[in-house]
Amino acid sequence: MSEALLAHYLAHPGRSSELDLLTGREREVVQLIAEGQSSKKVSETLAISLKTVETHRASAMHKLGLSTTAALVRYAVRNKLIEP
């Protein structure tokens, strides 16, 4: 369990989902990436900069203790952020 996740559980004992760690925008970015959109396409879809997309992706990965985009996609599928 990542330090961020552990800190979250200690601070929010009533919450049970790792997804609660993510902001709404981080979830949107994760969903779109997991659906196969490139970071550039996500930036166009959400009308935000490419750098902002990369920041949200990296932040989500850090919060969830993931080190690769492939792991992030697997996480999204397993947690029903997208249909397999």
PDB file of N, CA and C in Angstrom:
ATOM      1  N   MET A   1       0.857  -1.169   0.000  1.00  0.00           N
ATOM      2  CA  MET A   1       0.000   0.000   0.000  1.00  0.00           C
ATOM      3  C   MET A   1       0.904   1.233   0.000  1.00  0.00           C
ATOM      4  N   SER A   2       0.608   2.185  -0.872  1.00  0.00           N
ATOM      5  CA  SER A   2       1.433   3.384  -0.952  1.00  0.00           C
ATOM      6  C   SER A   2       1.236   4.248   0.291  1.00  0.00           C
ATOM      7  N   GLU A   3       2.208   5.113   0.548  1.00  0.00           N
ATOM      8  CA  GLU A   3       2.106   6.003   1.705  1.00  0.00           C
ATOM      9  C   GLU A   3       0.899   6.918   1.591  1.00  0.00           C
ATOM     10  N   ALA A   4       0.618   7.413   0.372  1.00  0.00           N
ATOM     11  CA  ALA A   4      -0.534   8.297   0.173  1.00  0.00           C
ATOM     12  C   ALA A   4      -1.829   7.564   0.492  1.00  0.00           C
ATOM     13  N   LEU A   5      -1.918   6.323   0.064  1.00  0.00           N
ATOM     14  CA  LEU A   5      -3.115   5.529   0.316  1.00  0.00           C
ATOM     15  C   LEU A   5      -3.282   5.257   1.807  1.00  0.00           C
ATOM     16  N   LEU A   6      -2.205   4.897   2.467  1.00  0.00           N
ATOM     17  CA  LEU A   6      -2.251   4.658   3.903  1.00  0.00           C
ATOM     18  C   LEU A   6      -2.670   5.922   4.646  1.00  0.00           C
ATOM     19  N   ALA A   7      -2.089   7.050   4.291  1.00  0.00           N
ATOM     20  CA  ALA A   7      -2.447   8.320   4.931  1.00  0.00           C
ATOM     21  C   ALA A   7      -3.919   8.635   4.709  1.00  0.00           C
ATOM     22  N   HIS A   8      -4.412   8.350   3.507  1.00  0.00           N
ATOM     23  CA  HIS A   8      -5.825   8.606   3.206  1.00  0.00           C
ATOM     24  C   HIS A   8      -6.723   7.745   4.092  1.00  0.00           C
ATOM     25  N   TYR A   9      -6.418   6.448   4.204  1.00  0.00           N
ATOM     26  CA  TYR A   9      -7.244   5.569   5.025  1.00  0.00           C
ATOM     27  C   TYR A   9      -7.233   5.991   6.486  1.00  0.00           C
ATOM     28  N   LEU A  10      -6.089   6.433   6.964  1.00  0.00           N
ATOM     29  CA  LEU A  10      -6.007   6.879   8.350  1.00  0.00           C
ATOM     30  C   LEU A  10      -6.789   8.166   8.572  1.00  0.00           C
ATOM     31  N   ALA A  11      -6.789   9.043   7.574  1.00  0.00           N
ATOM     32  CA  ALA A  11      -7.499  10.318   7.692  1.00  0.00           C
ATOM     33  C   ALA A  11      -8.997  10.175   7.437  1.00  0.00           C
ATOM     34  N   HIS A  12      -9.396   9.166   6.645  1.00  0.00           N
ATOM     35  CA  HIS A  12     -10.801   8.976   6.267  1.00  0.00           C
ATOM     36  C   HIS A  12     -11.215   7.527   6.517  1.00  0.00           C
ATOM     37  N   PRO A  13     -11.346   7.123   7.770  1.00  0.00           N
ATOM     38  CA  PRO A  13     -11.616   5.713   8.055  1.00  0.00           C
ATOM     39  C   PRO A  13     -12.945   5.200   7.507  1.00  0.00           C
ATOM     40  N   GLY A  14     -13.906   6.056   7.261  1.00  0.00           N
ATOM     41  CA  GLY A  14     -15.205   5.620   6.751  1.00  0.00           C
ATOM     42  C   GLY A  14     -15.217   5.361   5.260  1.00  0.00           C
ATOM     43  N   ARG A  15     -14.234   5.839   4.551  1.00  0.00           N
ATOM     44  CA  ARG A  15     -14.180   5.659   3.098  1.00  0.00           C
ATOM     45  C   ARG A  15     -13.434   4.373   2.781  1.00  0.00           C
ATOM     46  N   SER A  16     -13.900   3.660   1.766  1.00  0.00           N
ATOM     47  CA  SER A  16     -13.279   2.374   1.487  1.00  0.00           C
ATOM     48  C   SER A  16     -12.650   2.277   0.107  1.00  0.00           C
ATOM     49  N   SER A  17     -12.815   3.259  -0.729  1.00  0.00           N
ATOM     50  CA  SER A  17     -12.347   3.138  -2.099  1.00  0.00           C
ATOM     51  C   SER A  17     -11.105   3.977  -2.363  1.00  0.00           C
ATOM     52  N   GLU A  18     -10.138   3.347  -3.043  1.00  0.00           N
ATOM     53  CA  GLU A  18      -8.956   4.092  -3.480  1.00  0.00           C
ATOM     54  C   GLU A  18      -9.368   5.209  -4.428  1.00  0.00           C
ATOM     55  N   LEU A  19     -10.466   5.012  -5.138  1.00  0.00           N
ATOM     56  CA  LEU A  19     -10.925   6.022  -6.094  1.00  0.00           C
ATOM     57  C   LEU A  19     -11.245   7.341  -5.406  1.00  0.00           C
ATOM     58  N   ASP A  20     -11.550   7.285  -4.117  1.00  0.00           N
ATOM     59  CA  ASP A  20     -11.818   8.514  -3.369  1.00  0.00           C
ATOM     60  C   ASP A  20     -10.590   9.412  -3.294  1.00  0.00           C
ATOM     61  N   LEU A  21      -9.419   8.837  -3.548  1.00  0.00           N
ATOM     62  CA  LEU A  21      -8.192   9.633  -3.547  1.00  0.00           C
ATOM     63  C   LEU A  21      -8.116  10.570  -4.746  1.00  0.00           C
ATOM     64  N   LEU A  22      -8.784  10.202  -5.844  1.00  0.00           N
ATOM     65  CA  LEU A  22      -8.665  10.955  -7.090  1.00  0.00           C
ATOM     66  C   LEU A  22      -9.649  12.110  -7.150  1.00  0.00           C
ATOM     67  N   THR A  23      -9.198  13.209  -7.739  1.00  0.00           N
ATOM     68  CA  THR A  23     -10.111  14.318  -8.005  1.00  0.00           C
ATOM     69  C   THR A  23     -10.998  13.931  -9.186  1.00  0.00           C
ATOM     70  N   GLY A  24     -12.053  14.672  -9.389  1.00  0.00           N
ATOM     71  CA  GLY A  24     -12.926  14.416 -10.528  1.00  0.00           C
ATOM     72  C   GLY A  24     -12.183  14.498 -11.845  1.00  0.00           C
ATOM     73  N   ARG A  25     -11.317  15.475 -11.983  1.00  0.00           N
ATOM     74  CA  ARG A  25     -10.567  15.643 -13.230  1.00  0.00           C
ATOM     75  C   ARG A  25      -9.568  14.508 -13.423  1.00  0.00           C
ATOM     76  N   GLU A  26      -8.930  14.064 -12.339  1.00  0.00           N
ATOM     77  CA  GLU A  26      -8.018  12.927 -12.452  1.00  0.00           C
ATOM     78  C   GLU A  26      -8.774  11.688 -12.930  1.00  0.00           C
ATOM     79  N   ARG A  27      -9.978  11.477 -12.408  1.00  0.00           N
ATOM     80  CA  ARG A  27     -10.801  10.345 -12.859  1.00  0.00           C
ATOM     81  C   ARG A  27     -11.126  10.457 -14.340  1.00  0.00           C
ATOM     82  N   GLU A  28     -11.504  11.654 -14.773  1.00  0.00           N
ATOM     83  CA  GLU A  28     -11.812  11.855 -16.194  1.00  0.00           C
ATOM     84  C   GLU A  28     -10.614  11.501 -17.063  1.00  0.00           C
ATOM     85  N   VAL A  29      -9.452  11.991 -16.681  1.00  0.00           N
ATOM     86  CA  VAL A  29      -8.233  11.730 -17.452  1.00  0.00           C
ATOM     87  C   VAL A  29      -7.932  10.236 -17.473  1.00  0.00           C
ATOM     88  N   VAL A  30      -8.028   9.581 -16.325  1.00  0.00           N
ATOM     89  CA  VAL A  30      -7.775   8.141 -16.255  1.00  0.00           C
ATOM     90  C   VAL A  30      -8.755   7.386 -17.146  1.00  0.00           C
ATOM     91  N   GLN A  31     -10.031   7.741 -17.087  1.00  0.00           N
ATOM     92  CA  GLN A  31     -11.037   7.065 -17.914  1.00  0.00           C
ATOM     93  C   GLN A  31     -10.720   7.206 -19.395  1.00  0.00           C
ATOM     94  N   LEU A  32     -10.414   8.405 -19.828  1.00  0.00           N
ATOM     95  CA  LEU A  32     -10.150   8.632 -21.247  1.00  0.00           C
ATOM     96  C   LEU A  32      -8.884   7.919 -21.713  1.00  0.00           C
ATOM     97  N   ILE A  33      -7.851   7.931 -20.892  1.00  0.00           N
ATOM     98  CA  ILE A  33      -6.624   7.210 -21.241  1.00  0.00           C
ATOM     99  C   ILE A  33      -6.907   5.708 -21.304  1.00  0.00           C
ATOM    100  N   ALA A  34      -7.654   5.208 -20.325  1.00  0.00           N
ATOM    101  CA  ALA A  34      -7.979   3.781 -20.298  1.00  0.00           C
ATOM    102  C   ALA A  34      -8.847   3.372 -21.487  1.00  0.00           C
ATOM    103  N   GLU A  35      -9.617   4.310 -22.017  1.00  0.00           N
ATOM    104  CA  GLU A  35     -10.431   4.043 -23.207  1.00  0.00           C
ATOM    105  C   GLU A  35      -9.598   4.082 -24.480  1.00  0.00           C
ATOM    106  N   GLY A  36      -8.326   4.423 -24.351  1.00  0.00           N
ATOM    107  CA  GLY A  36      -7.425   4.375 -25.491  1.00  0.00           C
ATOM    108  C   GLY A  36      -7.049   5.713 -26.095  1.00  0.00           C
ATOM    109  N   GLN A  37      -7.519   6.809 -25.497  1.00  0.00           N
ATOM    110  CA  GLN A  37      -7.159   8.121 -26.031  1.00  0.00           C
ATOM    111  C   GLN A  37      -5.712   8.455 -25.666  1.00  0.00           C
ATOM    112  N   SER A  38      -5.029   9.091 -26.590  1.00  0.00           N
ATOM    113  CA  SER A  38      -3.685   9.590 -26.307  1.00  0.00           C
ATOM    114  C   SER A  38      -3.802  10.809 -25.391  1.00  0.00           C
ATOM    115  N   SER A  39      -2.706  11.169 -24.779  1.00  0.00           N
ATOM    116  CA  SER A  39      -2.716  12.366 -23.930  1.00  0.00           C
ATOM    117  C   SER A  39      -3.099  13.599 -24.733  1.00  0.00           C
ATOM    118  N   LYS A  40      -2.637  13.662 -25.973  1.00  0.00           N
ATOM    119  CA  LYS A  40      -2.978  14.802 -26.835  1.00  0.00           C
ATOM    120  C   LYS A  40      -4.482  14.851 -27.086  1.00  0.00           C
ATOM    121  N   LYS A  41      -5.089  13.693 -27.369  1.00  0.00           N
ATOM    122  CA  LYS A  41      -6.530  13.634 -27.615  1.00  0.00           C
ATOM    123  C   LYS A  41      -7.306  13.981 -26.347  1.00  0.00           C
ATOM    124  N   VAL A  42      -6.836  13.514 -25.197  1.00  0.00           N
ATOM    125  CA  VAL A  42      -7.478  13.849 -23.925  1.00  0.00           C
ATOM    126  C   VAL A  42      -7.447  15.358 -23.719  1.00  0.00           C
ATOM    127  N   SER A  43      -6.316  15.985 -24.030  1.00  0.00           N
ATOM    128  CA  SER A  43      -6.208  17.440 -23.862  1.00  0.00           C
ATOM    129  C   SER A  43      -7.210  18.161 -24.752  1.00  0.00           C
ATOM    130  N   GLU A  44      -7.409  17.655 -25.960  1.00  0.00           N
ATOM    131  CA  GLU A  44      -8.392  18.255 -26.869  1.00  0.00           C
ATOM    132  C   GLU A  44      -9.816  18.009 -26.374  1.00  0.00           C
ATOM    133  N   THR A  45     -10.099  16.800 -25.930  1.00  0.00           N
ATOM    134  CA  THR A  45     -11.432  16.439 -25.443  1.00  0.00           C
ATOM    135  C   THR A  45     -11.838  17.288 -24.244  1.00  0.00           C
ATOM    136  N   LEU A  46     -10.908  17.481 -23.315  1.00  0.00           N
ATOM    137  CA  LEU A  46     -11.211  18.211 -22.080  1.00  0.00           C
ATOM    138  C   LEU A  46     -10.882  19.701 -22.165  1.00  0.00           C
ATOM    139  N   ALA A  47     -10.330  20.115 -23.297  1.00  0.00           N
ATOM    140  CA  ALA A  47      -9.951  21.517 -23.502  1.00  0.00           C
ATOM    141  C   ALA A  47      -8.975  21.999 -22.422  1.00  0.00           C
ATOM    142  N   ILE A  48      -7.960  21.170 -22.170  1.00  0.00           N
ATOM    143  CA  ILE A  48      -6.890  21.526 -21.242  1.00  0.00           C
ATOM    144  C   ILE A  48      -5.559  21.252 -21.939  1.00  0.00           C
ATOM    145  N   SER A  49      -4.489  21.773 -21.386  1.00  0.00           N
ATOM    146  CA  SER A  49      -3.187  21.596 -22.035  1.00  0.00           C
ATOM    147  C   SER A  49      -2.680  20.163 -21.886  1.00  0.00           C
ATOM    148  N   LEU A  50      -1.802  19.788 -22.790  1.00  0.00           N
ATOM    149  CA  LEU A  50      -1.172  18.471 -22.741  1.00  0.00           C
ATOM    150  C   LEU A  50      -0.426  18.297 -21.420  1.00  0.00           C
ATOM    151  N   LYS A  51       0.262  19.324 -20.978  1.00  0.00           N
ATOM    152  CA  LYS A  51       1.000  19.275 -19.712  1.00  0.00           C
ATOM    153  C   LYS A  51       0.049  19.012 -18.540  1.00  0.00           C
ATOM    154  N   THR A  52      -1.129  19.616 -18.570  1.00  0.00           N
ATOM    155  CA  THR A  52      -2.109  19.404 -17.506  1.00  0.00           C
ATOM    156  C   THR A  52      -2.594  17.960 -17.503  1.00  0.00           C
ATOM    157  N   VAL A  53      -2.830  17.397 -18.678  1.00  0.00           N
ATOM    158  CA  VAL A  53      -3.222  15.982 -18.774  1.00  0.00           C
ATOM    159  C   VAL A  53      -2.134  15.110 -18.152  1.00  0.00           C
ATOM    160  N   GLU A  54      -0.893  15.358 -18.529  1.00  0.00           N
ATOM    161  CA  GLU A  54       0.217  14.563 -18.006  1.00  0.00           C
ATOM    162  C   GLU A  54       0.349  14.712 -16.491  1.00  0.00           C
ATOM    163  N   THR A  55       0.088  15.909 -15.992  1.00  0.00           N
ATOM    164  CA  THR A  55       0.133  16.144 -14.547  1.00  0.00           C
ATOM    165  C   THR A  55      -0.962  15.362 -13.834  1.00  0.00           C
ATOM    166  N   HIS A  56      -2.189  15.393 -14.374  1.00  0.00           N
ATOM    167  CA  HIS A  56      -3.302  14.641 -13.769  1.00  0.00           C
ATOM    168  C   HIS A  56      -3.034  13.133 -13.809  1.00  0.00           C
ATOM    169  N   ARG A  57      -2.511  12.634 -14.931  1.00  0.00           N
ATOM    170  CA  ARG A  57      -2.198  11.208 -15.054  1.00  0.00           C
ATOM    171  C   ARG A  57      -1.145  10.814 -14.027  1.00  0.00           C
ATOM    172  N   ALA A  58      -0.081  11.589 -13.943  1.00  0.00           N
ATOM    173  CA  ALA A  58       1.004  11.292 -13.002  1.00  0.00           C
ATOM    174  C   ALA A  58       0.518  11.358 -11.553  1.00  0.00           C
ATOM    175  N   SER A  59      -0.315  12.329 -11.256  1.00  0.00           N
ATOM    176  CA  SER A  59      -0.852  12.465  -9.905  1.00  0.00           C
ATOM    177  C   SER A  59      -1.724  11.264  -9.540  1.00  0.00           C
ATOM    178  N   ALA A  60      -2.577  10.851 -10.460  1.00  0.00           N
ATOM    179  CA  ALA A  60      -3.438   9.685 -10.224  1.00  0.00           C
ATOM    180  C   ALA A  60      -2.588   8.437 -10.003  1.00  0.00           C
ATOM    181  N   MET A  61      -1.575   8.260 -10.833  1.00  0.00           N
ATOM    182  CA  MET A  61      -0.705   7.094 -10.703  1.00  0.00           C
ATOM    183  C   MET A  61       0.016   7.101  -9.357  1.00  0.00           C
ATOM    184  N   HIS A  62       0.483   8.258  -8.944  1.00  0.00           N
ATOM    185  CA  HIS A  62       1.172   8.369  -7.655  1.00  0.00           C
ATOM    186  C   HIS A  62       0.216   8.030  -6.506  1.00  0.00           C
ATOM    187  N   LYS A  63      -0.976   8.607  -6.531  1.00  0.00           N
ATOM    188  CA  LYS A  63      -1.953   8.370  -5.470  1.00  0.00           C
ATOM    189  C   LYS A  63      -2.338   6.898  -5.364  1.00  0.00           C
ATOM    190  N   LEU A  64      -2.373   6.208  -6.504  1.00  0.00           N
ATOM    191  CA  LEU A  64      -2.785   4.805  -6.532  1.00  0.00           C
ATOM    192  C   LEU A  64      -1.608   3.842  -6.398  1.00  0.00           C
ATOM    193  N   GLY A  65      -0.393   4.385  -6.335  1.00  0.00           N
ATOM    194  CA  GLY A  65       0.789   3.550  -6.188  1.00  0.00           C
ATOM    195  C   GLY A  65       1.126   2.753  -7.438  1.00  0.00           C
ATOM    196  N   LEU A  66       0.831   3.319  -8.605  1.00  0.00           N
ATOM    197  CA  LEU A  66       1.079   2.650  -9.882  1.00  0.00           C
ATOM    198  C   LEU A  66       2.273   3.290 -10.576  1.00  0.00           C
ATOM    199  N   SER A  67       3.032   2.478 -11.325  1.00  0.00           N
ATOM    200  CA  SER A  67       4.240   3.017 -11.946  1.00  0.00           C
ATOM    201  C   SER A  67       4.200   3.073 -13.465  1.00  0.00           C
ATOM    202  N   THR A  68       3.184   2.469 -14.083  1.00  0.00           N
ATOM    203  CA  THR A  68       3.099   2.503 -15.544  1.00  0.00           C
ATOM    204  C   THR A  68       1.683   2.838 -15.989  1.00  0.00           C
ATOM    205  N   THR A  69       1.581   3.359 -17.195  1.00  0.00           N
ATOM    206  CA  THR A  69       0.261   3.655 -17.748  1.00  0.00           C
ATOM    207  C   THR A  69      -0.525   2.364 -17.956  1.00  0.00           C
ATOM    208  N   ALA A  70       0.166   1.288 -18.317  1.00  0.00           N
ATOM    209  CA  ALA A  70      -0.515  -0.005 -18.475  1.00  0.00           C
ATOM    210  C   ALA A  70      -1.161  -0.438 -17.159  1.00  0.00           C
ATOM    211  N   ALA A  71      -0.466  -0.234 -16.054  1.00  0.00           N
ATOM    212  CA  ALA A  71      -1.025  -0.569 -14.742  1.00  0.00           C
ATOM    213  C   ALA A  71      -2.228   0.314 -14.437  1.00  0.00           C
ATOM    214  N   LEU A  72      -2.170   1.561 -14.851  1.00  0.00           N
ATOM    215  CA  LEU A  72      -3.292   2.478 -14.655  1.00  0.00           C
ATOM    216  C   LEU A  72      -4.513   2.007 -15.441  1.00  0.00           C
ATOM    217  N   VAL A  73      -4.300   1.553 -16.663  1.00  0.00           N
ATOM    218  CA  VAL A  73      -5.403   1.043 -17.490  1.00  0.00           C
ATOM    219  C   VAL A  73      -5.999  -0.210 -16.844  1.00  0.00           C
ATOM    220  N   ARG A  74      -5.156  -1.130 -16.392  1.00  0.00           N
ATOM    221  CA  ARG A  74      -5.657  -2.334 -15.705  1.00  0.00           C
ATOM    222  C   ARG A  74      -6.466  -1.950 -14.472  1.00  0.00           C
ATOM    223  N   TYR A  75      -5.969  -0.984 -13.717  1.00  0.00           N
ATOM    224  CA  TYR A  75      -6.680  -0.515 -12.528  1.00  0.00           C
ATOM    225  C   TYR A  75      -8.059   0.024 -12.913  1.00  0.00           C
ATOM    226  N   ALA A  76      -8.117   0.817 -13.977  1.00  0.00           N
ATOM    227  CA  ALA A  76      -9.390   1.401 -14.424  1.00  0.00           C
ATOM    228  C   ALA A  76     -10.387   0.317 -14.808  1.00  0.00           C
ATOM    229  N   VAL A  77      -9.924  -0.713 -15.492  1.00  0.00           N
ATOM    230  CA  VAL A  77     -10.809  -1.813 -15.893  1.00  0.00           C
ATOM    231  C   VAL A  77     -11.288  -2.578 -14.661  1.00  0.00           C
ATOM    232  N   ARG A  78     -10.381  -2.927 -13.787  1.00  0.00           N
ATOM    233  CA  ARG A  78     -10.728  -3.707 -12.589  1.00  0.00           C
ATOM    234  C   ARG A  78     -11.680  -2.963 -11.662  1.00  0.00           C
ATOM    235  N   ASN A  79     -11.590  -1.648 -11.663  1.00  0.00           N
ATOM    236  CA  ASN A  79     -12.434  -0.843 -10.775  1.00  0.00           C
ATOM    237  C   ASN A  79     -13.623  -0.222 -11.498  1.00  0.00           C
ATOM    238  N   LYS A  80     -13.890  -0.747 -12.688  1.00  0.00           N
ATOM    239  CA  LYS A  80     -15.083  -0.396 -13.456  1.00  0.00           C
ATOM    240  C   LYS A  80     -15.185   1.083 -13.824  1.00  0.00           C
ATOM    241  N   LEU A  81     -14.024   1.731 -14.018  1.00  0.00           N
ATOM    242  CA  LEU A  81     -14.041   3.093 -14.546  1.00  0.00           C
ATOM    243  C   LEU A  81     -14.387   3.066 -16.027  1.00  0.00           C
ATOM    244  N   ILE A  82     -14.093   1.922 -16.657  1.00  0.00           N
ATOM    245  CA  ILE A  82     -14.455   1.710 -18.062  1.00  0.00           C
ATOM    246  C   ILE A  82     -14.932   0.275 -18.219  1.00  0.00           C
ATOM    247  N   GLU A  83     -15.601   0.011 -19.333  1.00  0.00           N
ATOM    248  CA  GLU A  83     -16.001  -1.357 -19.662  1.00  0.00           C
ATOM    249  C   GLU A  83     -14.813  -2.070 -20.289  1.00  0.00           C
ATOM    250  N   PRO A  84     -14.585  -3.349 -19.948  1.00  0.00           N
ATOM    251  CA  PRO A  84     -13.452  -4.083 -20.535  1.00  0.00           C
ATOM    252  C   PRO A  84     -13.632  -4.325 -22.031  1.00  0.00           C
TER     253      PRO A  84
END
